[in-house]
C-alpha cells in the first residue's frame, strides 16, 4: 500500500469553504477503484488542509495524480498543493476488525458479573 499527502497551505484560511469542498467531493471517491481510503483534514492553527489517501498500489496512486488533476484542485482549493508519496509500513483498521462499531457492546458485557 502507498499513502499520499496532498497539502494545501493558505495565507487566508477559510474553514467553511474547505469543509464545503470536502462535502461536495466525498461522493467522487466512494467506491473508487484502487483507493482504499481518503481523509479530508483541516488544521486551522497551521492554515492548511491535508488530504490523505491510502491506495492499494503505487501504480493506482500515480495514475490518479496527474498534472491535470493538480491544476484542477489548484483551481478548486485556490492554492497549489504539495503532493508527497509515502510507503505505508502497517495499517491498523479498527472498523474492519469490528464492523458493528466499537461503541456497541454485547448484552452480556453490560450486565454486572
Protein backbone atom coordinates (compact mmCIF):
# COMPACT_ATOMS: atom_id res chain seq x y z
CA UNK A 1 0.00 0.00 0.00
CA UNK A 2 1.01 3.57 -0.58
CA UNK A 3 -0.09 6.78 1.09
CA UNK A 4 -0.29 10.21 -0.44
CA UNK A 5 -0.37 13.51 1.44
CA UNK A 6 -1.84 16.39 -0.55
CA UNK A 7 -1.20 19.58 1.40
CA UNK A 8 -2.79 22.97 0.75
CA UNK A 9 -1.21 25.89 2.68
CA UNK A 10 -3.11 29.15 2.97
CA UNK A 11 -2.45 32.77 3.84
CA UNK A 12 -6.20 33.25 4.37
CA UNK A 13 -7.62 30.03 5.80
CA UNK A 14 -11.37 29.64 5.17
CA UNK A 15 -12.51 26.56 7.08
CA UNK A 16 -16.18 26.65 5.98
CA UNK A 17 -15.16 26.84 2.31
CA UNK A 18 -12.72 23.94 2.68
CA UNK A 19 -15.34 21.84 4.51
CA UNK A 20 -17.76 22.51 1.65
CA UNK A 21 -15.19 21.29 -0.90
CA UNK A 22 -14.76 18.08 1.11
CA UNK A 23 -18.52 17.51 1.45
CA UNK A 24 -19.03 18.02 -2.27
CA UNK A 25 -16.06 15.84 -3.31
CA UNK A 26 -16.75 12.91 -0.98
CA UNK A 27 -19.09 11.05 -3.35
CA UNK A 28 -16.48 11.12 -6.13
CA UNK A 29 -14.14 8.94 -4.04
CA UNK A 30 -16.62 6.41 -2.64
CA UNK A 31 -16.01 3.08 -4.36
CA UNK A 32 -13.13 4.42 -6.48
CA UNK A 33 -11.08 1.51 -7.84
CA UNK A 34 -7.66 1.21 -6.23
CA UNK A 35 -8.45 3.72 -3.47
CA UNK A 36 -8.52 2.12 -0.05
CA UNK A 37 -9.46 5.29 1.87
CA UNK A 38 -9.26 9.06 1.87
CA UNK A 39 -9.36 11.56 4.73
CA UNK A 40 -10.02 15.27 4.29
CA UNK A 41 -8.31 17.10 7.17
CA UNK A 42 -8.17 20.67 8.43
CA UNK A 43 -5.55 22.37 10.58
CA UNK A 44 -6.68 25.95 11.20
CA UNK A 45 -3.72 26.66 13.50
CA UNK A 46 -1.28 25.95 10.66
CA UNK A 47 -3.68 27.33 8.00
CA UNK A 48 -3.64 24.14 5.97
CA UNK A 49 -5.84 21.40 4.61
CA UNK A 50 -4.30 17.97 4.10
CA UNK A 51 -5.99 15.20 2.18
CA UNK A 52 -4.56 11.78 2.96
CA UNK A 53 -5.09 8.89 0.57
CA UNK A 54 -4.36 5.20 1.04
CA UNK A 55 -4.01 3.40 -2.28
CA UNK A 56 -3.79 -0.33 -2.94
CA UNK A 57 -0.77 0.20 -5.22
CA UNK A 58 1.71 2.84 -6.27
CA UNK A 59 0.51 2.43 -9.86
CA UNK A 60 -3.07 3.34 -8.88
CA UNK A 61 -1.87 6.36 -6.91
CA UNK A 62 0.38 7.68 -9.66
CA UNK A 63 -2.31 7.15 -12.30
CA UNK A 64 -4.67 9.34 -10.26
CA UNK A 65 -2.27 12.20 -9.50
CA UNK A 66 -1.79 13.62 -12.97
CA UNK A 67 -0.68 17.18 -13.83
CA UNK A 68 -4.28 17.82 -14.95
CA UNK A 69 -5.59 16.79 -11.53
CA UNK A 70 -3.12 19.12 -9.82
CA UNK A 71 -4.33 22.01 -11.98
CA UNK A 72 -7.97 21.18 -11.24
CA UNK A 73 -7.53 21.01 -7.45
CA UNK A 74 -5.40 24.18 -7.51
CA UNK A 75 -8.40 25.96 -9.01
CA UNK A 76 -10.81 24.30 -6.58
CA UNK A 77 -8.83 24.96 -3.38
CA UNK A 78 -7.35 28.28 -4.52
CA UNK A 79 -3.74 27.24 -3.81
CA UNK A 80 -1.31 24.80 -5.41
CA UNK A 81 -0.82 21.69 -3.27
CA UNK A 82 2.29 19.75 -2.48
CA UNK A 83 1.90 16.03 -3.22
CA UNK A 84 4.01 13.57 -1.24
CA UNK A 85 4.01 9.80 -1.73
CA UNK A 86 4.90 7.63 1.29
CA UNK A 87 5.22 3.91 1.90
CA UNK A 88 2.76 2.51 4.44
CA UNK A 89 4.64 0.16 6.77
CA UNK A 90 1.49 -1.02 8.59
CA UNK A 91 -2.15 -0.02 8.55
CA UNK A 92 -4.49 -0.57 11.50
CA UNK A 93 -8.15 -0.72 10.56
CA UNK A 94 -10.37 -0.99 13.59
CA UNK A 95 -13.53 -0.53 11.54
CA UNK A 96 -12.83 -3.76 9.68
CA UNK A 97 -11.90 -5.60 12.86
CA UNK A 98 -15.23 -4.60 14.43
CA UNK A 99 -17.72 -3.84 11.63
CA UNK A 100 -20.56 -3.20 14.08
CA UNK A 101 -18.63 -0.30 15.59
CA UNK A 102 -16.65 -0.10 18.77
CA UNK A 103 -19.43 1.74 20.59
CA UNK A 104 -21.74 -1.28 20.52
CA UNK A 105 -21.48 -3.63 23.45
CA UNK A 106 -22.99 -7.07 23.85
CA UNK A 107 -25.76 -7.64 26.36
CA UNK A 108 -23.53 -9.85 28.48
CA UNK A 109 -20.90 -7.12 28.65
CA UNK A 110 -23.49 -4.71 30.04
CA UNK A 111 -24.57 -6.98 32.87
CA UNK A 112 -22.60 -6.93 36.12
CA UNK A 113 -20.79 -10.18 36.94
